[in-house]
């Protein structure tokens, strides 16, 4: 289900029954609900992704608005150039 801005994702309830949005980063095949490494999981194994999203919903989201997930591809490219 697409969000108002067109990003694909789904809505889930957290432990306080608040609706939270889990987005899909299509480029990297991730579901994500924040900008931290432990706030994303692979879309490729749906059973594991469902378990991880359920676990995150039970343990609680960070307060405040969800941050945009951004990957600096320039830093990744630079790391490969140095290697």
PDB file of N, CA and C in Angstrom:
ATOM      1  N   UNK A   1       0.839  -1.172   0.000  1.00  0.00           N
ATOM      2  CA  UNK A   1       0.000   0.000   0.000  1.00  0.00           C
ATOM      3  C   UNK A   1       0.887   1.239   0.000  1.00  0.00           C
ATOM      4  N   UNK A   2       0.683   2.119  -0.927  1.00  0.00           N
ATOM      5  CA  UNK A   2       1.519   3.306  -1.061  1.00  0.00           C
ATOM      6  C   UNK A   2       1.095   4.390  -0.078  1.00  0.00           C
ATOM      7  N   UNK A   3       2.082   5.137   0.393  1.00  0.00           N
ATOM      8  CA  UNK A   3       1.827   6.264   1.288  1.00  0.00           C
ATOM      9  C   UNK A   3       1.328   7.448   0.465  1.00  0.00           C
ATOM     10  N   UNK A   4       0.957   8.508   1.149  1.00  0.00           N
ATOM     11  CA  UNK A   4       0.473   9.705   0.470  1.00  0.00           C
ATOM     12  C   UNK A   4       1.497  10.267  -0.505  1.00  0.00           C
ATOM     13  N   UNK A   5       2.790  10.095  -0.174  1.00  0.00           N
ATOM     14  CA  UNK A   5       3.841  10.609  -1.052  1.00  0.00           C
ATOM     15  C   UNK A   5       4.254   9.597  -2.119  1.00  0.00           C
ATOM     16  N   UNK A   6       3.561   8.457  -2.181  1.00  0.00           N
ATOM     17  CA  UNK A   6       3.824   7.461  -3.210  1.00  0.00           C
ATOM     18  C   UNK A   6       4.789   6.363  -2.817  1.00  0.00           C
ATOM     19  N   UNK A   7       5.423   6.481  -1.629  1.00  0.00           N
ATOM     20  CA  UNK A   7       6.364   5.440  -1.215  1.00  0.00           C
ATOM     21  C   UNK A   7       5.601   4.184  -0.805  1.00  0.00           C
ATOM     22  N   UNK A   8       6.061   3.012  -1.262  1.00  0.00           N
ATOM     23  CA  UNK A   8       5.377   1.772  -0.869  1.00  0.00           C
ATOM     24  C   UNK A   8       5.666   1.437   0.590  1.00  0.00           C
ATOM     25  N   UNK A   9       4.688   0.876   1.246  1.00  0.00           N
ATOM     26  CA  UNK A   9       4.861   0.496   2.638  1.00  0.00           C
ATOM     27  C   UNK A   9       3.597  -0.099   3.208  1.00  0.00           C
ATOM     28  N   UNK A  10       3.603  -0.317   4.512  1.00  0.00           N
ATOM     29  CA  UNK A  10       2.435  -0.833   5.191  1.00  0.00           C
ATOM     30  C   UNK A  10       2.312  -0.193   6.548  1.00  0.00           C
ATOM     31  N   UNK A  11       1.097  -0.226   7.081  1.00  0.00           N
ATOM     32  CA  UNK A  11       0.828   0.350   8.389  1.00  0.00           C
ATOM     33  C   UNK A  11       0.716  -0.763   9.413  1.00  0.00           C
ATOM     34  N   UNK A  12       1.327  -0.556  10.577  1.00  0.00           N
ATOM     35  CA  UNK A  12       1.255  -1.518  11.673  1.00  0.00           C
ATOM     36  C   UNK A  12       0.947  -0.762  12.961  1.00  0.00           C
ATOM     37  N   UNK A  13       0.391  -1.459  13.935  1.00  0.00           N
ATOM     38  CA  UNK A  13       0.139  -0.856  15.240  1.00  0.00           C
ATOM     39  C   UNK A  13       1.282  -1.205  16.170  1.00  0.00           C
ATOM     40  N   UNK A  14       1.759  -0.193  16.923  1.00  0.00           N
ATOM     41  CA  UNK A  14       2.788  -0.467  17.909  1.00  0.00           C
ATOM     42  C   UNK A  14       2.134  -0.929  19.208  1.00  0.00           C
ATOM     43  N   UNK A  15       2.919  -1.118  20.244  1.00  0.00           N
ATOM     44  CA  UNK A  15       2.387  -1.672  21.494  1.00  0.00           C
ATOM     45  C   UNK A  15       1.417  -0.733  22.198  1.00  0.00           C
ATOM     46  N   UNK A  16       1.386   0.533  21.774  1.00  0.00           N
ATOM     47  CA  UNK A  16       0.452   1.499  22.339  1.00  0.00           C
ATOM     48  C   UNK A  16      -0.742   1.724  21.410  1.00  0.00           C
ATOM     49  N   UNK A  17      -0.906   0.836  20.442  1.00  0.00           N
ATOM     50  CA  UNK A  17      -1.994   0.876  19.454  1.00  0.00           C
ATOM     51  C   UNK A  17      -1.941   2.103  18.552  1.00  0.00           C
ATOM     52  N   UNK A  18      -0.753   2.713  18.425  1.00  0.00           N
ATOM     53  CA  UNK A  18      -0.586   3.806  17.478  1.00  0.00           C
ATOM     54  C   UNK A  18      -0.231   3.215  16.130  1.00  0.00           C
ATOM     55  N   UNK A  19      -0.769   3.781  15.072  1.00  0.00           N
ATOM     56  CA  UNK A  19      -0.440   3.326  13.722  1.00  0.00           C
ATOM     57  C   UNK A  19       0.925   3.874  13.347  1.00  0.00           C
ATOM     58  N   UNK A  20       1.810   2.988  12.935  1.00  0.00           N
ATOM     59  CA  UNK A  20       3.145   3.361  12.476  1.00  0.00           C
ATOM     60  C   UNK A  20       3.306   2.878  11.044  1.00  0.00           C
ATOM     61  N   UNK A  21       4.142   3.538  10.296  1.00  0.00           N
ATOM     62  CA  UNK A  21       4.347   3.219   8.891  1.00  0.00           C
ATOM     63  C   UNK A  21       5.678   2.518   8.721  1.00  0.00           C
ATOM     64  N   UNK A  22       5.670   1.390   8.022  1.00  0.00           N
ATOM     65  CA  UNK A  22       6.881   0.653   7.663  1.00  0.00           C
ATOM     66  C   UNK A  22       7.008   0.792   6.151  1.00  0.00           C
ATOM     67  N   UNK A  23       8.059   1.448   5.712  1.00  0.00           N
ATOM     68  CA  UNK A  23       8.244   1.722   4.289  1.00  0.00           C
ATOM     69  C   UNK A  23       9.098   0.650   3.627  1.00  0.00           C
ATOM     70  N   UNK A  24       9.068   0.626   2.310  1.00  0.00           N
ATOM     71  CA  UNK A  24       9.900  -0.283   1.533  1.00  0.00           C
ATOM     72  C   UNK A  24      10.906   0.559   0.763  1.00  0.00           C
ATOM     73  N   UNK A  25      12.189   0.275   0.963  1.00  0.00           N
ATOM     74  CA  UNK A  25      13.233   0.879   0.153  1.00  0.00           C
ATOM     75  C   UNK A  25      13.473  -0.093  -0.986  1.00  0.00           C
ATOM     76  N   UNK A  26      12.894   0.198  -2.127  1.00  0.00           N
ATOM     77  CA  UNK A  26      12.907  -0.727  -3.260  1.00  0.00           C
ATOM     78  C   UNK A  26      14.329  -0.974  -3.764  1.00  0.00           C
ATOM     79  N   UNK A  27      15.167   0.052  -3.752  1.00  0.00           N
ATOM     80  CA  UNK A  27      16.542  -0.090  -4.254  1.00  0.00           C
ATOM     81  C   UNK A  27      17.331  -1.141  -3.497  1.00  0.00           C
ATOM     82  N   UNK A  28      17.117  -1.238  -2.179  1.00  0.00           N
ATOM     83  CA  UNK A  28      17.883  -2.152  -1.346  1.00  0.00           C
ATOM     84  C   UNK A  28      17.076  -3.328  -0.823  1.00  0.00           C
ATOM     85  N   UNK A  29      15.799  -3.423  -1.235  1.00  0.00           N
ATOM     86  CA  UNK A  29      14.913  -4.515  -0.795  1.00  0.00           C
ATOM     87  C   UNK A  29      14.785  -4.577   0.723  1.00  0.00           C
ATOM     88  N   UNK A  30      14.599  -3.418   1.350  1.00  0.00           N
ATOM     89  CA  UNK A  30      14.439  -3.332   2.793  1.00  0.00           C
ATOM     90  C   UNK A  30      13.055  -2.818   3.145  1.00  0.00           C
ATOM     91  N   UNK A  31      12.504  -3.326   4.238  1.00  0.00           N
ATOM     92  CA  UNK A  31      11.440  -2.639   4.953  1.00  0.00           C
ATOM     93  C   UNK A  31      12.164  -1.767   5.960  1.00  0.00           C
ATOM     94  N   UNK A  32      11.715  -0.528   6.171  1.00  0.00           N
ATOM     95  CA  UNK A  32      12.349   0.293   7.197  1.00  0.00           C
ATOM     96  C   UNK A  32      11.326   1.164   7.901  1.00  0.00           C
ATOM     97  N   UNK A  33      11.590   1.441   9.173  1.00  0.00           N
ATOM     98  CA  UNK A  33      10.685   2.240   9.991  1.00  0.00           C
ATOM     99  C   UNK A  33      11.441   3.323  10.742  1.00  0.00           C
ATOM    100  N   UNK A  34      12.678   3.547  10.414  1.00  0.00           N
ATOM    101  CA  UNK A  34      13.512   4.599  10.990  1.00  0.00           C
ATOM    102  C   UNK A  34      14.789   4.702  10.189  1.00  0.00           C
ATOM    103  N   UNK A  35      15.751   5.454  10.703  1.00  0.00           N
ATOM    104  CA  UNK A  35      16.988   5.645   9.950  1.00  0.00           C
ATOM    105  C   UNK A  35      18.186   4.932  10.572  1.00  0.00           C
ATOM    106  N   UNK A  36      17.960   4.110  11.591  1.00  0.00           N
ATOM    107  CA  UNK A  36      19.038   3.379  12.248  1.00  0.00           C
ATOM    108  C   UNK A  36      19.174   1.973  11.656  1.00  0.00           C
ATOM    109  N   UNK A  37      20.381   1.381  11.721  1.00  0.00           N
ATOM    110  CA  UNK A  37      20.571   0.045  11.136  1.00  0.00           C
ATOM    111  C   UNK A  37      19.633  -1.026  11.703  1.00  0.00           C
ATOM    112  N   UNK A  38      19.250  -0.911  12.976  1.00  0.00           N
ATOM    113  CA  UNK A  38      18.355  -1.930  13.533  1.00  0.00           C
ATOM    114  C   UNK A  38      16.882  -1.613  13.258  1.00  0.00           C
ATOM    115  N   UNK A  39      16.623  -0.605  12.442  1.00  0.00           N
ATOM    116  CA  UNK A  39      15.264  -0.240  12.083  1.00  0.00           C
ATOM    117  C   UNK A  39      14.971  -0.544  10.616  1.00  0.00           C
ATOM    118  N   UNK A  40      15.560  -1.630  10.153  1.00  0.00           N
ATOM    119  CA  UNK A  40      15.296  -2.100   8.790  1.00  0.00           C
ATOM    120  C   UNK A  40      15.550  -3.596   8.726  1.00  0.00           C
ATOM    121  N   UNK A  41      14.902  -4.226   7.747  1.00  0.00           N
ATOM    122  CA  UNK A  41      15.068  -5.658   7.554  1.00  0.00           C
ATOM    123  C   UNK A  41      14.818  -5.984   6.084  1.00  0.00           C
ATOM    124  N   UNK A  42      15.387  -7.055   5.614  1.00  0.00           N
ATOM    125  CA  UNK A  42      15.295  -7.428   4.206  1.00  0.00           C
ATOM    126  C   UNK A  42      13.872  -7.806   3.807  1.00  0.00           C
ATOM    127  N   UNK A  43      13.489  -7.414   2.604  1.00  0.00           N
ATOM    128  CA  UNK A  43      12.196  -7.804   2.029  1.00  0.00           C
ATOM    129  C   UNK A  43      12.275  -9.183   1.387  1.00  0.00           C
ATOM    130  N   UNK A  44      13.467  -9.695   1.194  1.00  0.00           N
ATOM    131  CA  UNK A  44      13.644 -10.929   0.434  1.00  0.00           C
ATOM    132  C   UNK A  44      13.175 -12.170   1.180  1.00  0.00           C
ATOM    133  N   UNK A  45      13.208 -12.142   2.487  1.00  0.00           N
ATOM    134  CA  UNK A  45      12.703 -13.249   3.295  1.00  0.00           C
ATOM    135  C   UNK A  45      11.516 -12.707   4.096  1.00  0.00           C
ATOM    136  N   UNK A  46      10.316 -12.842   3.527  1.00  0.00           N
ATOM    137  CA  UNK A  46       9.148 -12.211   4.133  1.00  0.00           C
ATOM    138  C   UNK A  46       8.823 -12.739   5.518  1.00  0.00           C
ATOM    139  N   UNK A  47       9.014 -14.032   5.759  1.00  0.00           N
ATOM    140  CA  UNK A  47       8.720 -14.567   7.092  1.00  0.00           C
ATOM    141  C   UNK A  47       9.613 -13.924   8.148  1.00  0.00           C
ATOM    142  N   UNK A  48      10.901 -13.816   7.867  1.00  0.00           N
ATOM    143  CA  UNK A  48      11.825 -13.174   8.804  1.00  0.00           C
ATOM    144  C   UNK A  48      11.507 -11.686   8.943  1.00  0.00           C
ATOM    145  N   UNK A  49      11.130 -11.040   7.836  1.00  0.00           N
ATOM    146  CA  UNK A  49      10.783  -9.618   7.883  1.00  0.00           C
ATOM    147  C   UNK A  49       9.554  -9.391   8.751  1.00  0.00           C
ATOM    148  N   UNK A  50       8.550 -10.236   8.597  1.00  0.00           N
ATOM    149  CA  UNK A  50       7.337 -10.120   9.411  1.00  0.00           C
ATOM    150  C   UNK A  50       7.676 -10.280  10.886  1.00  0.00           C
ATOM    151  N   UNK A  51       8.496 -11.287  11.208  1.00  0.00           N
ATOM    152  CA  UNK A  51       8.905 -11.488  12.601  1.00  0.00           C
ATOM    153  C   UNK A  51       9.620 -10.257  13.149  1.00  0.00           C
ATOM    154  N   UNK A  52      10.524  -9.687  12.371  1.00  0.00           N
ATOM    155  CA  UNK A  52      11.304  -8.517  12.819  1.00  0.00           C
ATOM    156  C   UNK A  52      10.401  -7.299  13.009  1.00  0.00           C
ATOM    157  N   UNK A  53       9.484  -7.081  12.077  1.00  0.00           N
ATOM    158  CA  UNK A  53       8.575  -5.936  12.183  1.00  0.00           C
ATOM    159  C   UNK A  53       7.650  -6.102  13.384  1.00  0.00           C
ATOM    160  N   UNK A  54       7.152  -7.318  13.596  1.00  0.00           N
ATOM    161  CA  UNK A  54       6.312  -7.573  14.772  1.00  0.00           C
ATOM    162  C   UNK A  54       7.090  -7.327  16.059  1.00  0.00           C
ATOM    163  N   UNK A  55       8.344  -7.769  16.093  1.00  0.00           N
ATOM    164  CA  UNK A  55       9.189  -7.566  17.272  1.00  0.00           C
ATOM    165  C   UNK A  55       9.393  -6.069  17.521  1.00  0.00           C
ATOM    166  N   UNK A  56       9.658  -5.317  16.467  1.00  0.00           N
ATOM    167  CA  UNK A  56       9.849  -3.873  16.618  1.00  0.00           C
ATOM    168  C   UNK A  56       8.571  -3.209  17.105  1.00  0.00           C
ATOM    169  N   UNK A  57       7.436  -3.642  16.603  1.00  0.00           N
ATOM    170  CA  UNK A  57       6.158  -3.060  17.028  1.00  0.00           C
ATOM    171  C   UNK A  57       5.879  -3.374  18.501  1.00  0.00           C
ATOM    172  N   UNK A  58       6.215  -4.584  18.931  1.00  0.00           N
ATOM    173  CA  UNK A  58       5.999  -4.962  20.337  1.00  0.00           C
ATOM    174  C   UNK A  58       6.932  -4.204  21.275  1.00  0.00           C
ATOM    175  N   UNK A  59       8.191  -4.030  20.878  1.00  0.00           N
ATOM    176  CA  UNK A  59       9.160  -3.377  21.756  1.00  0.00           C
ATOM    177  C   UNK A  59       9.014  -1.865  21.742  1.00  0.00           C
ATOM    178  N   UNK A  60       8.424  -1.343  20.693  1.00  0.00           N
ATOM    179  CA  UNK A  60       8.155   0.092  20.631  1.00  0.00           C
ATOM    180  C   UNK A  60       9.075   0.833  19.683  1.00  0.00           C
ATOM    181  N   UNK A  61       8.500   1.783  19.021  1.00  0.00           N
ATOM    182  CA  UNK A  61       9.240   2.653  18.120  1.00  0.00           C
ATOM    183  C   UNK A  61       9.845   3.784  18.920  1.00  0.00           C
ATOM    184  N   UNK A  62      10.888   4.377  18.392  1.00  0.00           N
ATOM    185  CA  UNK A  62      11.393   5.603  19.004  1.00  0.00           C
ATOM    186  C   UNK A  62      10.305   6.665  18.898  1.00  0.00           C
ATOM    187  N   UNK A  63      10.265   7.568  19.851  1.00  0.00           N
ATOM    188  CA  UNK A  63       9.256   8.609  19.812  1.00  0.00           C
ATOM    189  C   UNK A  63       9.604   9.617  18.731  1.00  0.00           C
ATOM    190  N   UNK A  64       8.618  10.333  18.282  1.00  0.00           N
ATOM    191  CA  UNK A  64       8.830  11.341  17.251  1.00  0.00           C
ATOM    192  C   UNK A  64       8.549  10.779  15.871  1.00  0.00           C
ATOM    193  N   UNK A  65       8.752  11.624  14.892  1.00  0.00           N
ATOM    194  CA  UNK A  65       8.489  11.255  13.507  1.00  0.00           C
ATOM    195  C   UNK A  65       9.569  10.319  12.972  1.00  0.00           C
ATOM    196  N   UNK A  66       9.159   9.506  12.029  1.00  0.00           N
ATOM    197  CA  UNK A  66      10.104   8.599  11.392  1.00  0.00           C
ATOM    198  C   UNK A  66      11.048   9.402  10.511  1.00  0.00           C
ATOM    199  N   UNK A  67      12.314   9.142  10.648  1.00  0.00           N
ATOM    200  CA  UNK A  67      13.299   9.817   9.817  1.00  0.00           C
ATOM    201  C   UNK A  67      13.366   9.152   8.453  1.00  0.00           C
ATOM    202  N   UNK A  68      13.795   9.891   7.487  1.00  0.00           N
ATOM    203  CA  UNK A  68      13.958   9.366   6.133  1.00  0.00           C
ATOM    204  C   UNK A  68      15.225   8.521   6.078  1.00  0.00           C
ATOM    205  N   UNK A  69      15.111   7.354   5.496  1.00  0.00           N
ATOM    206  CA  UNK A  69      16.284   6.498   5.326  1.00  0.00           C
ATOM    207  C   UNK A  69      17.059   7.003   4.122  1.00  0.00           C
ATOM    208  N   UNK A  70      18.311   7.338   4.344  1.00  0.00           N
ATOM    209  CA  UNK A  70      19.129   7.783   3.224  1.00  0.00           C
ATOM    210  C   UNK A  70      20.487   7.098   3.308  1.00  0.00           C
ATOM    211  N   UNK A  71      20.950   6.666   2.181  1.00  0.00           N
ATOM    212  CA  UNK A  71      22.239   6.008   2.063  1.00  0.00           C
ATOM    213  C   UNK A  71      23.125   6.905   1.206  1.00  0.00           C
ATOM    214  N   UNK A  72      24.303   7.241   1.698  1.00  0.00           N
ATOM    215  CA  UNK A  72      25.223   8.063   0.934  1.00  0.00           C
ATOM    216  C   UNK A  72      26.045   7.146   0.025  1.00  0.00           C
ATOM    217  N   UNK A  73      25.568   6.990  -1.196  1.00  0.00           N
ATOM    218  CA  UNK A  73      26.250   6.095  -2.135  1.00  0.00           C
ATOM    219  C   UNK A  73      27.643   6.601  -2.486  1.00  0.00           C
ATOM    220  N   UNK A  74      27.874   7.891  -2.370  1.00  0.00           N
ATOM    221  CA  UNK A  74      29.200   8.438  -2.615  1.00  0.00           C
ATOM    222  C   UNK A  74      30.225   7.892  -1.638  1.00  0.00           C
ATOM    223  N   UNK A  75      29.846   7.771  -0.358  1.00  0.00           N
ATOM    224  CA  UNK A  75      30.758   7.214   0.647  1.00  0.00           C
ATOM    225  C   UNK A  75      31.052   5.743   0.366  1.00  0.00           C
ATOM    226  N   UNK A  76      30.049   5.014  -0.072  1.00  0.00           N
ATOM    227  CA  UNK A  76      30.255   3.605  -0.406  1.00  0.00           C
ATOM    228  C   UNK A  76      31.191   3.485  -1.607  1.00  0.00           C
ATOM    229  N   UNK A  77      30.970   4.299  -2.624  1.00  0.00           N
ATOM    230  CA  UNK A  77      31.839   4.272  -3.815  1.00  0.00           C
ATOM    231  C   UNK A  77      33.268   4.653  -3.451  1.00  0.00           C
ATOM    232  N   UNK A  78      33.418   5.669  -2.594  1.00  0.00           N
ATOM    233  CA  UNK A  78      34.774   6.077  -2.164  1.00  0.00           C
ATOM    234  C   UNK A  78      35.487   4.957  -1.423  1.00  0.00           C
ATOM    235  N   UNK A  79      34.765   4.218  -0.599  1.00  0.00           N
ATOM    236  CA  UNK A  79      35.367   3.115   0.145  1.00  0.00           C
ATOM    237  C   UNK A  79      35.896   2.040  -0.818  1.00  0.00           C
ATOM    238  N   UNK A  80      35.158   1.776  -1.879  1.00  0.00           N
ATOM    239  CA  UNK A  80      35.612   0.786  -2.861  1.00  0.00           C
ATOM    240  C   UNK A  80      36.780   1.294  -3.667  1.00  0.00           C
ATOM    241  N   UNK A  81      36.818   2.587  -3.932  1.00  0.00           N
ATOM    242  CA  UNK A  81      37.936   3.166  -4.705  1.00  0.00           C
ATOM    243  C   UNK A  81      39.234   3.090  -3.913  1.00  0.00           C
ATOM    244  N   UNK A  82      39.145   3.224  -2.588  1.00  0.00           N
ATOM    245  CA  UNK A  82      40.342   3.195  -1.740  1.00  0.00           C
ATOM    246  C   UNK A  82      40.862   1.788  -1.550  1.00  0.00           C
ATOM    247  N   UNK A  83      39.986   0.819  -1.692  1.00  0.00           N
ATOM    248  CA  UNK A  83      40.382  -0.571  -1.426  1.00  0.00           C
ATOM    249  C   UNK A  83      41.267  -1.123  -2.502  1.00  0.00           C
TER     250      UNK A  83
END
